[in-house]
Amino acid sequence: MTIKAFILPTLFLTLAFSNKSDKKIIGKLYSSDNPQFYSVENIFVILRSDNKAFDTVRTNDKGEFSAIIPSDKQKNIDILYSGIGFGTVYLRHIKQLSADTTNLQIDLANNYKKNFFGTAICPKCSRTNQVYKIRYGDAPVYTMQVNENGDTAYSPIHNGVYEAGTCVSSAQSARWYCNRDRIEF
């Protein structure tokens, strides 16, 4: 009798508070261009909703990952990745998860579309007017900017180039920066 008294309320509470509206993302990172230059093993996949990270998962030795997406995080999801030898790189934006399980195949060797002037089109906002080429090198140069209210900010954008602030880069490192969305891609 005491076991039933414990199991039934526990089962009821588990079912009552389990969220059936959670969804799942299953993905695979790969490279269509020179796979030997792109590591897909033990890469951190970062999930953000409304520009706030809510989960980080790690890929297996085949570049596969999965994540459960809570019901309050199923809109405006950014998927990024990070690892040793390259910074945090933007991969994809999902406006709304509709299916219970979303399958993604993400090519790390993505060649971004460019406009007539050779500037990459941001994969998030689809614009080019605040996209800058990233320069890897020694000490970064910061430019002081003063807005109309007199507030001062320092920007790593100098002479039309985004200064990465590190000399470490690889084939997986971002090549472009969107100042509007604050993403490297």
C-alpha atoms as a PDB file:
ATOM      1  CA  MET A   1       0.000   0.000   0.000  1.00  0.00           C
ATOM      2  CA  THR A   2       2.792   2.444   0.802  1.00  0.00           C
ATOM      3  CA  ILE A   3       4.550   1.683  -2.518  1.00  0.00           C
ATOM      4  CA  LYS A   4       1.349   2.498  -4.448  1.00  0.00           C
ATOM      5  CA  ALA A   5       0.929   5.646  -2.399  1.00  0.00           C
ATOM      6  CA  PHE A   6       4.412   6.746  -3.524  1.00  0.00           C
ATOM      7  CA  ILE A   7       4.410   5.538  -7.142  1.00  0.00           C
ATOM      8  CA  LEU A   8       1.032   6.899  -8.217  1.00  0.00           C
ATOM      9  CA  PRO A   9       1.652  10.537  -7.142  1.00  0.00           C
ATOM     10  CA  THR A  10       5.189  10.393  -8.560  1.00  0.00           C
ATOM     11  CA  LEU A  11       3.901   9.078 -11.885  1.00  0.00           C
ATOM     12  CA  PHE A  12       1.157  11.699 -11.958  1.00  0.00           C
ATOM     13  CA  LEU A  13       3.583  14.555 -11.225  1.00  0.00           C
ATOM     14  CA  THR A  14       6.047  13.307 -13.831  1.00  0.00           C
ATOM     15  CA  LEU A  15       3.360  13.171 -16.505  1.00  0.00           C
ATOM     16  CA  ALA A  16       1.825  16.460 -15.428  1.00  0.00           C
ATOM     17  CA  PHE A  17       5.092  18.405 -15.545  1.00  0.00           C
ATOM     18  CA  SER A  18       6.765  16.750 -18.523  1.00  0.00           C
ATOM     19  CA  ASN A  19       6.584  19.097 -21.450  1.00  0.00           C
ATOM     20  CA  LYS A  20       5.154  17.342 -24.469  1.00  0.00           C
ATOM     21  CA  SER A  21       5.711  20.436 -26.601  1.00  0.00           C
ATOM     22  CA  ASP A  22       9.513  20.155 -26.397  1.00  0.00           C
ATOM     23  CA  LYS A  23      11.027  19.564 -29.823  1.00  0.00           C
ATOM     24  CA  LYS A  24      14.274  18.029 -30.985  1.00  0.00           C
ATOM     25  CA  ILE A  25      17.012  19.114 -33.373  1.00  0.00           C
ATOM     26  CA  ILE A  26      19.191  16.379 -34.849  1.00  0.00           C
ATOM     27  CA  GLY A  27      22.084  17.564 -36.945  1.00  0.00           C
ATOM     28  CA  LYS A  28      25.274  16.664 -38.705  1.00  0.00           C
ATOM     29  CA  LEU A  29      28.234  18.911 -39.462  1.00  0.00           C
ATOM     30  CA  TYR A  30      30.253  18.013 -42.543  1.00  0.00           C
ATOM     31  CA  SER A  31      32.501  19.594 -45.160  1.00  0.00           C
ATOM     32  CA  SER A  32      31.950  19.321 -48.897  1.00  0.00           C
ATOM     33  CA  ASP A  33      35.325  20.972 -49.521  1.00  0.00           C
ATOM     34  CA  ASN A  34      38.604  19.438 -48.265  1.00  0.00           C
ATOM     35  CA  PRO A  35      37.219  17.423 -45.319  1.00  0.00           C
ATOM     36  CA  GLN A  36      40.751  16.975 -43.930  1.00  0.00           C
ATOM     37  CA  PHE A  37      40.834  20.708 -43.109  1.00  0.00           C
ATOM     38  CA  TYR A  38      37.544  20.677 -41.224  1.00  0.00           C
ATOM     39  CA  SER A  39      37.259  18.969 -37.864  1.00  0.00           C
ATOM     40  CA  VAL A  40      33.744  17.819 -36.998  1.00  0.00           C
ATOM     41  CA  GLU A  41      34.641  15.761 -33.916  1.00  0.00           C
ATOM     42  CA  ASN A  42      34.053  17.258 -30.443  1.00  0.00           C
ATOM     43  CA  ILE A  43      32.822  20.585 -31.787  1.00  0.00           C
ATOM     44  CA  PHE A  44      30.567  22.638 -29.537  1.00  0.00           C
ATOM     45  CA  VAL A  45      27.216  23.463 -31.130  1.00  0.00           C
ATOM     46  CA  ILE A  46      25.700  26.485 -29.422  1.00  0.00           C
ATOM     47  CA  LEU A  47      21.964  27.158 -29.538  1.00  0.00           C
ATOM     48  CA  ARG A  48      20.647  30.669 -28.977  1.00  0.00           C
ATOM     49  CA  SER A  49      17.123  32.002 -28.860  1.00  0.00           C
ATOM     50  CA  ASP A  50      16.583  35.754 -29.038  1.00  0.00           C
ATOM     51  CA  ASN A  51      20.386  36.218 -28.854  1.00  0.00           C
ATOM     52  CA  LYS A  52      20.728  34.326 -25.557  1.00  0.00           C
ATOM     53  CA  ALA A  53      22.465  30.945 -25.428  1.00  0.00           C
ATOM     54  CA  PHE A  54      20.249  28.278 -23.896  1.00  0.00           C
ATOM     55  CA  ASP A  55      22.136  25.074 -24.700  1.00  0.00           C
ATOM     56  CA  THR A  56      25.512  23.797 -25.859  1.00  0.00           C
ATOM     57  CA  VAL A  57      25.970  20.268 -27.148  1.00  0.00           C
ATOM     58  CA  ARG A  58      29.037  18.461 -28.452  1.00  0.00           C
ATOM     59  CA  THR A  59      29.334  16.573 -31.724  1.00  0.00           C
ATOM     60  CA  ASN A  60      30.366  12.938 -31.805  1.00  0.00           C
ATOM     61  CA  ASP A  61      33.220  11.570 -33.951  1.00  0.00           C
ATOM     62  CA  LYS A  62      30.984  11.732 -37.055  1.00  0.00           C
ATOM     63  CA  GLY A  63      29.915  15.350 -36.511  1.00  0.00           C
ATOM     64  CA  GLU A  64      26.445  14.384 -35.292  1.00  0.00           C
ATOM     65  CA  PHE A  65      24.602  16.198 -32.503  1.00  0.00           C
ATOM     66  CA  SER A  66      21.146  16.402 -30.974  1.00  0.00           C
ATOM     67  CA  ALA A  67      19.409  18.809 -28.626  1.00  0.00           C
ATOM     68  CA  ILE A  68      16.017  19.094 -26.954  1.00  0.00           C
ATOM     69  CA  ILE A  69      14.464  22.507 -27.523  1.00  0.00           C
ATOM     70  CA  PRO A  70      12.083  23.685 -24.771  1.00  0.00           C
ATOM     71  CA  SER A  71       8.766  25.173 -25.852  1.00  0.00           C
ATOM     72  CA  ASP A  72       9.758  28.724 -24.883  1.00  0.00           C
ATOM     73  CA  LYS A  73      12.902  28.588 -27.099  1.00  0.00           C
ATOM     74  CA  GLN A  74      11.427  27.372 -30.388  1.00  0.00           C
ATOM     75  CA  LYS A  75      11.438  30.729 -32.198  1.00  0.00           C
ATOM     76  CA  ASN A  76      14.388  32.666 -33.605  1.00  0.00           C
ATOM     77  CA  ILE A  77      17.019  30.005 -32.983  1.00  0.00           C
ATOM     78  CA  ASP A  78      20.607  30.702 -33.994  1.00  0.00           C
ATOM     79  CA  ILE A  79      22.953  27.751 -34.391  1.00  0.00           C
ATOM     80  CA  LEU A  80      26.670  28.421 -33.951  1.00  0.00           C
ATOM     81  CA  TYR A  81      29.734  26.245 -33.494  1.00  0.00           C
ATOM     82  CA  SER A  82      33.024  26.631 -31.674  1.00  0.00           C
ATOM     83  CA  GLY A  83      36.203  24.660 -31.137  1.00  0.00           C
ATOM     84  CA  ILE A  84      39.948  24.869 -30.650  1.00  0.00           C
ATOM     85  CA  GLY A  85      41.721  26.932 -33.318  1.00  0.00           C
ATOM     86  CA  PHE A  86      38.692  28.938 -34.396  1.00  0.00           C
ATOM     87  CA  GLY A  87      36.220  31.191 -32.641  1.00  0.00           C
ATOM     88  CA  THR A  88      32.455  30.989 -32.456  1.00  0.00           C
ATOM     89  CA  VAL A  89      31.069  30.832 -35.975  1.00  0.00           C
ATOM     90  CA  TYR A  90      27.452  31.402 -37.008  1.00  0.00           C
ATOM     91  CA  LEU A  91      25.865  28.530 -38.951  1.00  0.00           C
ATOM     92  CA  ARG A  92      22.143  28.942 -39.357  1.00  0.00           C
ATOM     93  CA  HIS A  93      18.974  30.719 -38.218  1.00  0.00           C
ATOM     94  CA  ILE A  94      15.647  28.956 -37.707  1.00  0.00           C
ATOM     95  CA  LYS A  95      12.612  31.252 -37.433  1.00  0.00           C
ATOM     96  CA  GLN A  96      10.257  28.661 -35.974  1.00  0.00           C
ATOM     97  CA  LEU A  97      10.477  24.942 -35.236  1.00  0.00           C
ATOM     98  CA  SER A  98       7.360  23.320 -36.640  1.00  0.00           C
ATOM     99  CA  ALA A  99       8.055  19.584 -36.636  1.00  0.00           C
ATOM    100  CA  ASP A 100       8.656  17.547 -33.485  1.00  0.00           C
ATOM    101  CA  THR A 101      12.087  16.631 -34.877  1.00  0.00           C
ATOM    102  CA  THR A 102      14.130  18.837 -37.193  1.00  0.00           C
ATOM    103  CA  ASN A 103      16.982  17.240 -39.140  1.00  0.00           C
ATOM    104  CA  LEU A 104      19.844  19.485 -40.234  1.00  0.00           C
ATOM    105  CA  GLN A 105      22.795  18.823 -42.529  1.00  0.00           C
ATOM    106  CA  ILE A 106      25.228  21.750 -42.169  1.00  0.00           C
ATOM    107  CA  ASP A 107      28.135  22.217 -44.561  1.00  0.00           C
ATOM    108  CA  LEU A 108      31.035  23.937 -42.786  1.00  0.00           C
ATOM    109  CA  ALA A 109      32.605  24.853 -46.132  1.00  0.00           C
ATOM    110  CA  ASN A 110      29.675  27.122 -46.909  1.00  0.00           C
ATOM    111  CA  ASN A 111      30.621  29.708 -49.518  1.00  0.00           C
ATOM    112  CA  TYR A 112      28.466  32.710 -48.723  1.00  0.00           C
ATOM    113  CA  LYS A 113      26.740  34.650 -51.440  1.00  0.00           C
ATOM    114  CA  LYS A 114      28.364  37.972 -52.258  1.00  0.00           C
ATOM    115  CA  ASN A 115      27.045  41.191 -53.701  1.00  0.00           C
ATOM    116  CA  PHE A 116      28.379  42.938 -56.803  1.00  0.00           C
ATOM    117  CA  PHE A 117      31.209  44.534 -54.779  1.00  0.00           C
ATOM    118  CA  GLY A 118      32.434  41.228 -53.327  1.00  0.00           C
ATOM    119  CA  THR A 119      31.015  41.693 -49.815  1.00  0.00           C
ATOM    120  CA  ALA A 120      29.388  38.614 -48.301  1.00  0.00           C
ATOM    121  CA  ILE A 121      25.658  38.721 -47.669  1.00  0.00           C
ATOM    122  CA  CYS A 122      24.920  38.098 -43.982  1.00  0.00           C
ATOM    123  CA  PRO A 123      23.187  34.708 -43.619  1.00  0.00           C
ATOM    124  CA  LYS A 124      20.992  36.059 -40.815  1.00  0.00           C
ATOM    125  CA  CYS A 125      19.763  39.479 -41.989  1.00  0.00           C
ATOM    126  CA  SER A 126      20.490  39.030 -45.738  1.00  0.00           C
ATOM    127  CA  ARG A 127      22.165  42.439 -45.938  1.00  0.00           C
ATOM    128  CA  THR A 128      25.669  43.689 -46.704  1.00  0.00           C
ATOM    129  CA  ASN A 129      25.843  47.283 -45.472  1.00  0.00           C
ATOM    130  CA  GLN A 130      27.273  46.307 -42.056  1.00  0.00           C
ATOM    131  CA  VAL A 131      29.294  43.257 -43.115  1.00  0.00           C
ATOM    132  CA  TYR A 132      33.085  43.453 -42.811  1.00  0.00           C
ATOM    133  CA  LYS A 133      35.948  41.165 -43.803  1.00  0.00           C
ATOM    134  CA  ILE A 134      37.732  39.707 -40.759  1.00  0.00           C
ATOM    135  CA  ARG A 135      41.465  40.272 -40.417  1.00  0.00           C
ATOM    136  CA  TYR A 136      43.458  37.887 -38.216  1.00  0.00           C
ATOM    137  CA  GLY A 137      46.752  39.175 -36.904  1.00  0.00           C
ATOM    138  CA  ASP A 138      48.511  40.610 -33.913  1.00  0.00           C
ATOM    139  CA  ALA A 139      47.080  43.181 -31.517  1.00  0.00           C
ATOM    140  CA  PRO A 140      43.649  44.442 -32.530  1.00  0.00           C
ATOM    141  CA  VAL A 141      42.992  48.064 -33.349  1.00  0.00           C
ATOM    142  CA  TYR A 142      39.949  49.583 -31.664  1.00  0.00           C
ATOM    143  CA  THR A 143      38.218  52.666 -32.978  1.00  0.00           C
ATOM    144  CA  MET A 144      36.545  55.046 -30.539  1.00  0.00           C
ATOM    145  CA  GLN A 145      32.997  55.977 -31.525  1.00  0.00           C
ATOM    146  CA  VAL A 146      30.941  58.709 -29.852  1.00  0.00           C
ATOM    147  CA  ASN A 147      27.194  58.713 -30.492  1.00  0.00           C
ATOM    148  CA  GLU A 148      24.838  61.717 -30.524  1.00  0.00           C
ATOM    149  CA  ASN A 149      24.272  61.392 -26.748  1.00  0.00           C
ATOM    150  CA  GLY A 150      27.999  61.630 -26.069  1.00  0.00           C
ATOM    151  CA  ASP A 151      28.316  57.951 -25.112  1.00  0.00           C
ATOM    152  CA  THR A 152      31.643  56.392 -26.022  1.00  0.00           C
ATOM    153  CA  ALA A 153      32.082  52.901 -27.408  1.00  0.00           C
ATOM    154  CA  TYR A 154      35.077  51.097 -28.815  1.00  0.00           C
ATOM    155  CA  SER A 155      34.720  49.075 -31.961  1.00  0.00           C
ATOM    156  CA  PRO A 156      37.019  46.425 -33.494  1.00  0.00           C
ATOM    157  CA  ILE A 157      36.031  47.764 -36.932  1.00  0.00           C
ATOM    158  CA  HIS A 158      38.907  49.839 -38.272  1.00  0.00           C
ATOM    159  CA  ASN A 159      39.287  51.158 -41.834  1.00  0.00           C
ATOM    160  CA  GLY A 160      36.435  48.965 -43.049  1.00  0.00           C
ATOM    161  CA  VAL A 161      37.864  45.731 -41.597  1.00  0.00           C
ATOM    162  CA  TYR A 162      36.858  43.795 -38.486  1.00  0.00           C
ATOM    163  CA  GLU A 163      39.967  43.162 -36.358  1.00  0.00           C
ATOM    164  CA  ALA A 164      39.665  39.653 -34.867  1.00  0.00           C
ATOM    165  CA  GLY A 165      42.118  40.327 -32.046  1.00  0.00           C
ATOM    166  CA  THR A 166      43.893  37.008 -32.502  1.00  0.00           C
ATOM    167  CA  CYS A 167      46.417  35.584 -34.908  1.00  0.00           C
ATOM    168  CA  VAL A 168      44.959  32.075 -34.536  1.00  0.00           C
ATOM    169  CA  SER A 169      42.843  31.044 -37.500  1.00  0.00           C
ATOM    170  CA  SER A 170      42.116  27.915 -39.508  1.00  0.00           C
ATOM    171  CA  ALA A 171      39.987  26.774 -42.427  1.00  0.00           C
ATOM    172  CA  GLN A 172      37.044  26.749 -39.981  1.00  0.00           C
ATOM    173  CA  SER A 173      37.547  30.329 -38.807  1.00  0.00           C
ATOM    174  CA  ALA A 174      34.974  32.925 -39.763  1.00  0.00           C
ATOM    175  CA  ARG A 175      35.832  35.171 -42.717  1.00  0.00           C
ATOM    176  CA  TRP A 176      33.101  37.803 -42.317  1.00  0.00           C
ATOM    177  CA  TYR A 177      31.486  39.792 -39.482  1.00  0.00           C
ATOM    178  CA  CYS A 178      28.014  41.367 -39.432  1.00  0.00           C
ATOM    179  CA  ASN A 179      27.939  44.327 -37.072  1.00  0.00           C
ATOM    180  CA  ARG A 180      24.113  44.475 -37.158  1.00  0.00           C
ATOM    181  CA  ASP A 181      23.686  40.903 -35.897  1.00  0.00           C
ATOM    182  CA  ARG A 182      27.045  40.715 -34.052  1.00  0.00           C
ATOM    183  CA  ILE A 183      27.925  37.395 -35.694  1.00  0.00           C
ATOM    184  CA  GLU A 184      31.032  36.011 -37.329  1.00  0.00           C
ATOM    185  CA  PHE A 185      30.413  33.754 -40.322  1.00  0.00           C
END
